[in-house]
Amino acid sequence: MAGQNQTAQSAYKVQDCSSAVDQVLSTTKGRLLSVKPRENRCIVTVIVPHGEQRPEKIVVRVDYTNADNGQENGQ
């Protein structure tokens, strides 16, 4: 299904968006397109090449671990 956009929920939990990017890139072997930090998750978008076929855009939602609750914005 190359060329199709896919959205996935990640099974792993991370401490921050940097860790989320590392996990997604190592899993997909793709190239980073964007990272969007949200309240309790990161949305990581990557482009995965498929040889001569059109690359695939994959969006992965990665949740933060619960160890960070109450720590945002200095609380």
PDB file of N, CA and C in Angstrom:
ATOM      1  N   MET A   1       0.820  -1.198   0.000  1.00  0.00           N
ATOM      2  CA  MET A   1       0.000   0.000   0.000  1.00  0.00           C
ATOM      3  C   MET A   1       0.862   1.259   0.000  1.00  0.00           C
ATOM      4  N   ALA A   2       1.932   1.269  -0.713  1.00  0.00           N
ATOM      5  CA  ALA A   2       2.778   2.446  -0.772  1.00  0.00           C
ATOM      6  C   ALA A   2       1.996   3.613  -1.337  1.00  0.00           C
ATOM      7  N   GLY A   3       2.311   4.796  -0.815  1.00  0.00           N
ATOM      8  CA  GLY A   3       1.638   5.988  -1.289  1.00  0.00           C
ATOM      9  C   GLY A   3       0.395   6.328  -0.479  1.00  0.00           C
ATOM     10  N   GLN A   4      -0.027   5.434   0.395  1.00  0.00           N
ATOM     11  CA  GLN A   4      -1.188   5.687   1.233  1.00  0.00           C
ATOM     12  C   GLN A   4      -0.730   6.307   2.548  1.00  0.00           C
ATOM     13  N   ASN A   5      -1.502   7.245   3.062  1.00  0.00           N
ATOM     14  CA  ASN A   5      -1.213   7.808   4.373  1.00  0.00           C
ATOM     15  C   ASN A   5      -1.730   6.863   5.431  1.00  0.00           C
ATOM     16  N   GLN A   6      -0.938   6.663   6.481  1.00  0.00           N
ATOM     17  CA  GLN A   6      -1.354   5.801   7.570  1.00  0.00           C
ATOM     18  C   GLN A   6      -1.215   6.548   8.880  1.00  0.00           C
ATOM     19  N   THR A   7      -2.150   6.300   9.796  1.00  0.00           N
ATOM     20  CA  THR A   7      -2.079   6.840  11.145  1.00  0.00           C
ATOM     21  C   THR A   7      -2.092   5.678  12.107  1.00  0.00           C
ATOM     22  N   ALA A   8      -1.177   5.697  13.085  1.00  0.00           N
ATOM     23  CA  ALA A   8      -1.085   4.586  14.025  1.00  0.00           C
ATOM     24  C   ALA A   8      -0.916   5.116  15.438  1.00  0.00           C
ATOM     25  N   GLN A   9      -1.394   4.346  16.394  1.00  0.00           N
ATOM     26  CA  GLN A   9      -1.177   4.629  17.805  1.00  0.00           C
ATOM     27  C   GLN A   9      -0.011   3.752  18.244  1.00  0.00           C
ATOM     28  N   SER A  10       0.989   4.356  18.831  1.00  0.00           N
ATOM     29  CA  SER A  10       2.158   3.605  19.244  1.00  0.00           C
ATOM     30  C   SER A  10       1.872   2.783  20.496  1.00  0.00           C
ATOM     31  N   ALA A  11       2.488   1.628  20.584  1.00  0.00           N
ATOM     32  CA  ALA A  11       2.327   0.758  21.745  1.00  0.00           C
ATOM     33  C   ALA A  11       3.279   1.151  22.870  1.00  0.00           C
ATOM     34  N   TYR A  12       4.317   1.938  22.566  1.00  0.00           N
ATOM     35  CA  TYR A  12       5.266   2.283  23.603  1.00  0.00           C
ATOM     36  C   TYR A  12       4.974   3.654  24.193  1.00  0.00           C
ATOM     37  N   LYS A  13       5.452   3.853  25.420  1.00  0.00           N
ATOM     38  CA  LYS A  13       5.291   5.113  26.134  1.00  0.00           C
ATOM     39  C   LYS A  13       6.668   5.757  26.255  1.00  0.00           C
ATOM     40  N   VAL A  14       6.704   7.084  26.194  1.00  0.00           N
ATOM     41  CA  VAL A  14       7.972   7.800  26.245  1.00  0.00           C
ATOM     42  C   VAL A  14       7.907   8.938  27.247  1.00  0.00           C
ATOM     43  N   GLN A  15       9.066   9.497  27.586  1.00  0.00           N
ATOM     44  CA  GLN A  15       9.148  10.616  28.515  1.00  0.00           C
ATOM     45  C   GLN A  15       8.985  11.965  27.816  1.00  0.00           C
ATOM     46  N   ASP A  16       9.389  12.047  26.539  1.00  0.00           N
ATOM     47  CA  ASP A  16       9.330  13.314  25.818  1.00  0.00           C
ATOM     48  C   ASP A  16       9.274  13.070  24.312  1.00  0.00           C
ATOM     49  N   CYS A  17       9.108  14.134  23.550  1.00  0.00           N
ATOM     50  CA  CYS A  17       8.976  13.998  22.092  1.00  0.00           C
ATOM     51  C   CYS A  17      10.281  13.545  21.433  1.00  0.00           C
ATOM     52  N   SER A  18      11.397  13.887  22.015  1.00  0.00           N
ATOM     53  CA  SER A  18      12.674  13.445  21.462  1.00  0.00           C
ATOM     54  C   SER A  18      12.761  11.919  21.484  1.00  0.00           C
ATOM     55  N   SER A  19      12.347  11.324  22.581  1.00  0.00           N
ATOM     56  CA  SER A  19      12.329   9.861  22.687  1.00  0.00           C
ATOM     57  C   SER A  19      11.320   9.260  21.714  1.00  0.00           C
ATOM     58  N   ALA A  20      10.191   9.945  21.539  1.00  0.00           N
ATOM     59  CA  ALA A  20       9.169   9.468  20.604  1.00  0.00           C
ATOM     60  C   ALA A  20       9.724   9.426  19.186  1.00  0.00           C
ATOM     61  N   VAL A  21      10.427  10.480  18.796  1.00  0.00           N
ATOM     62  CA  VAL A  21      11.025  10.533  17.455  1.00  0.00           C
ATOM     63  C   VAL A  21      12.023   9.391  17.283  1.00  0.00           C
ATOM     64  N   ASP A  22      12.883   9.181  18.277  1.00  0.00           N
ATOM     65  CA  ASP A  22      13.866   8.097  18.195  1.00  0.00           C
ATOM     66  C   ASP A  22      13.187   6.745  17.997  1.00  0.00           C
ATOM     67  N   GLN A  23      12.133   6.487  18.773  1.00  0.00           N
ATOM     68  CA  GLN A  23      11.416   5.221  18.678  1.00  0.00           C
ATOM     69  C   GLN A  23      10.779   5.032  17.294  1.00  0.00           C
ATOM     70  N   VAL A  24      10.096   6.070  16.824  1.00  0.00           N
ATOM     71  CA  VAL A  24       9.394   5.963  15.541  1.00  0.00           C
ATOM     72  C   VAL A  24      10.380   5.795  14.393  1.00  0.00           C
ATOM     73  N   LEU A  25      11.461   6.570  14.391  1.00  0.00           N
ATOM     74  CA  LEU A  25      12.440   6.461  13.305  1.00  0.00           C
ATOM     75  C   LEU A  25      13.131   5.101  13.306  1.00  0.00           C
ATOM     76  N   SER A  26      13.427   4.562  14.487  1.00  0.00           N
ATOM     77  CA  SER A  26      14.086   3.249  14.526  1.00  0.00           C
ATOM     78  C   SER A  26      13.133   2.136  14.097  1.00  0.00           C
ATOM     79  N   THR A  27      11.845   2.314  14.342  1.00  0.00           N
ATOM     80  CA  THR A  27      10.857   1.306  13.970  1.00  0.00           C
ATOM     81  C   THR A  27      10.519   1.356  12.484  1.00  0.00           C
ATOM     82  N   THR A  28      10.346   2.559  11.951  1.00  0.00           N
ATOM     83  CA  THR A  28       9.887   2.693  10.562  1.00  0.00           C
ATOM     84  C   THR A  28      11.017   2.759   9.553  1.00  0.00           C
ATOM     85  N   LYS A  29      12.221   3.119   9.997  1.00  0.00           N
ATOM     86  CA  LYS A  29      13.365   3.346   9.088  1.00  0.00           C
ATOM     87  C   LYS A  29      13.059   4.475   8.108  1.00  0.00           C
ATOM     88  N   GLY A  30      12.196   5.409   8.543  1.00  0.00           N
ATOM     89  CA  GLY A  30      11.810   6.521   7.690  1.00  0.00           C
ATOM     90  C   GLY A  30      12.591   7.788   7.989  1.00  0.00           C
ATOM     91  N   ARG A  31      12.181   8.881   7.343  1.00  0.00           N
ATOM     92  CA  ARG A  31      12.784  10.201   7.550  1.00  0.00           C
ATOM     93  C   ARG A  31      11.765  11.086   8.239  1.00  0.00           C
ATOM     94  N   LEU A  32      12.226  11.845   9.204  1.00  0.00           N
ATOM     95  CA  LEU A  32      11.343  12.709   9.978  1.00  0.00           C
ATOM     96  C   LEU A  32      10.773  13.834   9.123  1.00  0.00           C
ATOM     97  N   LEU A  33       9.465  13.997   9.168  1.00  0.00           N
ATOM     98  CA  LEU A  33       8.793  15.084   8.473  1.00  0.00           C
ATOM     99  C   LEU A  33       8.373  16.166   9.469  1.00  0.00           C
ATOM    100  N   SER A  34       7.747  15.750  10.593  1.00  0.00           N
ATOM    101  CA  SER A  34       7.353  16.733  11.601  1.00  0.00           C
ATOM    102  C   SER A  34       7.100  16.070  12.947  1.00  0.00           C
ATOM    103  N   VAL A  35       7.144  16.908  14.003  1.00  0.00           N
ATOM    104  CA  VAL A  35       6.820  16.491  15.369  1.00  0.00           C
ATOM    105  C   VAL A  35       5.905  17.550  15.948  1.00  0.00           C
ATOM    106  N   LYS A  36       4.784  17.121  16.518  1.00  0.00           N
ATOM    107  CA  LYS A  36       3.837  18.051  17.131  1.00  0.00           C
ATOM    108  C   LYS A  36       3.605  17.643  18.576  1.00  0.00           C
ATOM    109  N   PRO A  37       4.186  18.391  19.518  1.00  0.00           N
ATOM    110  CA  PRO A  37       3.932  18.093  20.929  1.00  0.00           C
ATOM    111  C   PRO A  37       2.492  18.457  21.294  1.00  0.00           C
ATOM    112  N   ARG A  38       1.852  17.604  22.049  1.00  0.00           N
ATOM    113  CA  ARG A  38       0.505  17.849  22.543  1.00  0.00           C
ATOM    114  C   ARG A  38       0.518  17.683  24.058  1.00  0.00           C
ATOM    115  N   GLU A  39      -0.631  17.859  24.676  1.00  0.00           N
ATOM    116  CA  GLU A  39      -0.709  17.836  26.138  1.00  0.00           C
ATOM    117  C   GLU A  39      -0.151  16.550  26.746  1.00  0.00           C
ATOM    118  N   ASN A  40      -0.540  15.409  26.233  1.00  0.00           N
ATOM    119  CA  ASN A  40      -0.083  14.143  26.813  1.00  0.00           C
ATOM    120  C   ASN A  40       0.476  13.172  25.766  1.00  0.00           C
ATOM    121  N   ARG A  41       0.844  13.698  24.613  1.00  0.00           N
ATOM    122  CA  ARG A  41       1.392  12.839  23.555  1.00  0.00           C
ATOM    123  C   ARG A  41       2.168  13.669  22.548  1.00  0.00           C
ATOM    124  N   CYS A  42       2.889  12.976  21.696  1.00  0.00           N
ATOM    125  CA  CYS A  42       3.567  13.578  20.544  1.00  0.00           C
ATOM    126  C   CYS A  42       2.988  12.950  19.296  1.00  0.00           C
ATOM    127  N   ILE A  43       2.854  13.755  18.270  1.00  0.00           N
ATOM    128  CA  ILE A  43       2.419  13.240  16.981  1.00  0.00           C
ATOM    129  C   ILE A  43       3.619  13.359  16.045  1.00  0.00           C
ATOM    130  N   VAL A  44       4.133  12.203  15.639  1.00  0.00           N
ATOM    131  CA  VAL A  44       5.346  12.139  14.829  1.00  0.00           C
ATOM    132  C   VAL A  44       4.950  11.705  13.414  1.00  0.00           C
ATOM    133  N   THR A  45       5.365  12.493  12.433  1.00  0.00           N
ATOM    134  CA  THR A  45       5.077  12.171  11.033  1.00  0.00           C
ATOM    135  C   THR A  45       6.386  11.865  10.327  1.00  0.00           C
ATOM    136  N   VAL A  46       6.424  10.717   9.650  1.00  0.00           N
ATOM    137  CA  VAL A  46       7.624  10.301   8.922  1.00  0.00           C
ATOM    138  C   VAL A  46       7.276   9.936   7.487  1.00  0.00           C
ATOM    139  N   ILE A  47       8.278   9.982   6.639  1.00  0.00           N
ATOM    140  CA  ILE A  47       8.167   9.541   5.251  1.00  0.00           C
ATOM    141  C   ILE A  47       9.012   8.278   5.129  1.00  0.00           C
ATOM    142  N   VAL A  48       8.377   7.195   4.663  1.00  0.00           N
ATOM    143  CA  VAL A  48       9.076   5.917   4.529  1.00  0.00           C
ATOM    144  C   VAL A  48       9.237   5.601   3.042  1.00  0.00           C
ATOM    145  N   PRO A  49      10.484   5.518   2.558  1.00  0.00           N
ATOM    146  CA  PRO A  49      10.702   5.196   1.147  1.00  0.00           C
ATOM    147  C   PRO A  49      10.404   3.728   0.870  1.00  0.00           C
ATOM    148  N   HIS A  50       9.975   3.448  -0.351  1.00  0.00           N
ATOM    149  CA  HIS A  50       9.697   2.074  -0.794  1.00  0.00           C
ATOM    150  C   HIS A  50      10.355   1.829  -2.147  1.00  0.00           C
ATOM    151  N   GLY A  51      11.661   1.961  -2.183  1.00  0.00           N
ATOM    152  CA  GLY A  51      12.409   1.716  -3.422  1.00  0.00           C
ATOM    153  C   GLY A  51      11.976   2.665  -4.525  1.00  0.00           C
ATOM    154  N   GLU A  52      11.552   2.114  -5.628  1.00  0.00           N
ATOM    155  CA  GLU A  52      11.138   2.909  -6.781  1.00  0.00           C
ATOM    156  C   GLU A  52       9.705   3.420  -6.653  1.00  0.00           C
ATOM    157  N   GLN A  53       8.948   2.884  -5.697  1.00  0.00           N
ATOM    158  CA  GLN A  53       7.567   3.315  -5.508  1.00  0.00           C
ATOM    159  C   GLN A  53       7.515   4.633  -4.748  1.00  0.00           C
ATOM    160  N   ARG A  54       6.355   5.249  -4.758  1.00  0.00           N
ATOM    161  CA  ARG A  54       6.136   6.502  -4.055  1.00  0.00           C
ATOM    162  C   ARG A  54       6.316   6.295  -2.548  1.00  0.00           C
ATOM    163  N   PRO A  55       6.987   7.234  -1.858  1.00  0.00           N
ATOM    164  CA  PRO A  55       7.165   7.099  -0.411  1.00  0.00           C
ATOM    165  C   PRO A  55       5.826   7.150   0.318  1.00  0.00           C
ATOM    166  N   GLU A  56       5.818   6.586   1.508  1.00  0.00           N
ATOM    167  CA  GLU A  56       4.609   6.519   2.316  1.00  0.00           C
ATOM    168  C   GLU A  56       4.715   7.471   3.505  1.00  0.00           C
ATOM    169  N   LYS A  57       3.670   8.237   3.743  1.00  0.00           N
ATOM    170  CA  LYS A  57       3.605   9.136   4.897  1.00  0.00           C
ATOM    171  C   LYS A  57       2.909   8.394   6.030  1.00  0.00           C
ATOM    172  N   ILE A  58       3.576   8.329   7.182  1.00  0.00           N
ATOM    173  CA  ILE A  58       3.020   7.632   8.341  1.00  0.00           C
ATOM    174  C   ILE A  58       2.978   8.598   9.517  1.00  0.00           C
ATOM    175  N   VAL A  59       1.822   8.673  10.172  1.00  0.00           N
ATOM    176  CA  VAL A  59       1.635   9.520  11.354  1.00  0.00           C
ATOM    177  C   VAL A  59       1.460   8.598  12.554  1.00  0.00           C
ATOM    178  N   VAL A  60       2.295   8.803  13.583  1.00  0.00           N
ATOM    179  CA  VAL A  60       2.245   7.951  14.773  1.00  0.00           C
ATOM    180  C   VAL A  60       1.988   8.816  16.000  1.00  0.00           C
ATOM    181  N   ARG A  61       0.979   8.444  16.784  1.00  0.00           N
ATOM    182  CA  ARG A  61       0.702   9.115  18.059  1.00  0.00           C
ATOM    183  C   ARG A  61       1.386   8.327  19.168  1.00  0.00           C
ATOM    184  N   VAL A  62       2.246   9.018  19.928  1.00  0.00           N
ATOM    185  CA  VAL A  62       2.979   8.365  21.010  1.00  0.00           C
ATOM    186  C   VAL A  62       2.610   9.049  22.319  1.00  0.00           C
ATOM    187  N   ASP A  63       2.065   8.280  23.270  1.00  0.00           N
ATOM    188  CA  ASP A  63       1.662   8.828  24.570  1.00  0.00           C
ATOM    189  C   ASP A  63       2.857   8.953  25.498  1.00  0.00           C
ATOM    190  N   TYR A  64       2.796   9.951  26.392  1.00  0.00           N
ATOM    191  CA  TYR A  64       3.796  10.093  27.444  1.00  0.00           C
ATOM    192  C   TYR A  64       3.519   9.078  28.546  1.00  0.00           C
ATOM    193  N   THR A  65       4.569   8.742  29.302  1.00  0.00           N
ATOM    194  CA  THR A  65       4.373   7.894  30.473  1.00  0.00           C
ATOM    195  C   THR A  65       3.692   8.707  31.561  1.00  0.00           C
ATOM    196  N   ASN A  66       3.087   8.047  32.513  1.00  0.00           N
ATOM    197  CA  ASN A  66       2.387   8.720  33.605  1.00  0.00           C
ATOM    198  C   ASN A  66       3.335   9.348  34.615  1.00  0.00           C
ATOM    199  N   ALA A  67       4.629   9.053  34.521  1.00  0.00           N
ATOM    200  CA  ALA A  67       5.599   9.604  35.454  1.00  0.00           C
ATOM    201  C   ALA A  67       5.705  11.112  35.330  1.00  0.00           C
ATOM    202  N   ASP A  68       5.214  11.676  34.235  1.00  0.00           N
ATOM    203  CA  ASP A  68       5.335  13.105  33.981  1.00  0.00           C
ATOM    204  C   ASP A  68       4.110  13.907  34.430  1.00  0.00           C
ATOM    205  N   ASN A  69       3.066  13.245  34.923  1.00  0.00           N
ATOM    206  CA  ASN A  69       1.826  13.956  35.282  1.00  0.00           C
ATOM    207  C   ASN A  69       2.091  15.070  36.274  1.00  0.00           C
ATOM    208  N   GLY A  70       1.521  16.238  36.022  1.00  0.00           N
ATOM    209  CA  GLY A  70       1.659  17.372  36.921  1.00  0.00           C
ATOM    210  C   GLY A  70       2.971  18.113  36.789  1.00  0.00           C
ATOM    211  N   GLN A  71       3.853  17.688  35.916  1.00  0.00           N
ATOM    212  CA  GLN A  71       5.157  18.318  35.782  1.00  0.00           C
ATOM    213  C   GLN A  71       5.214  19.356  34.674  1.00  0.00           C
ATOM    214  N   GLU A  72       4.208  19.408  33.813  1.00  0.00           N
ATOM    215  CA  GLU A  72       4.227  20.378  32.722  1.00  0.00           C
ATOM    216  C   GLU A  72       3.976  21.786  33.254  1.00  0.00           C
ATOM    217  N   ASN A  73       4.578  22.755  32.589  1.00  0.00           N
ATOM    218  CA  ASN A  73       4.401  24.167  32.928  1.00  0.00           C
ATOM    219  C   ASN A  73       4.785  24.478  34.369  1.00  0.00           C
ATOM    220  N   GLY A  74       5.769  23.745  34.898  1.00  0.00           N
ATOM    221  CA  GLY A  74       6.280  24.055  36.218  1.00  0.00           C
ATOM    222  C   GLY A  74       5.357  23.685  37.358  1.00  0.00           C
ATOM    223  N   GLN A  75       4.362  22.871  37.150  1.00  0.00           N
ATOM    224  CA  GLN A  75       3.439  22.500  38.221  1.00  0.00           C
ATOM    225  C   GLN A  75       3.950  21.323  39.000  1.00  0.00           C
TER     226      GLN A  75
END
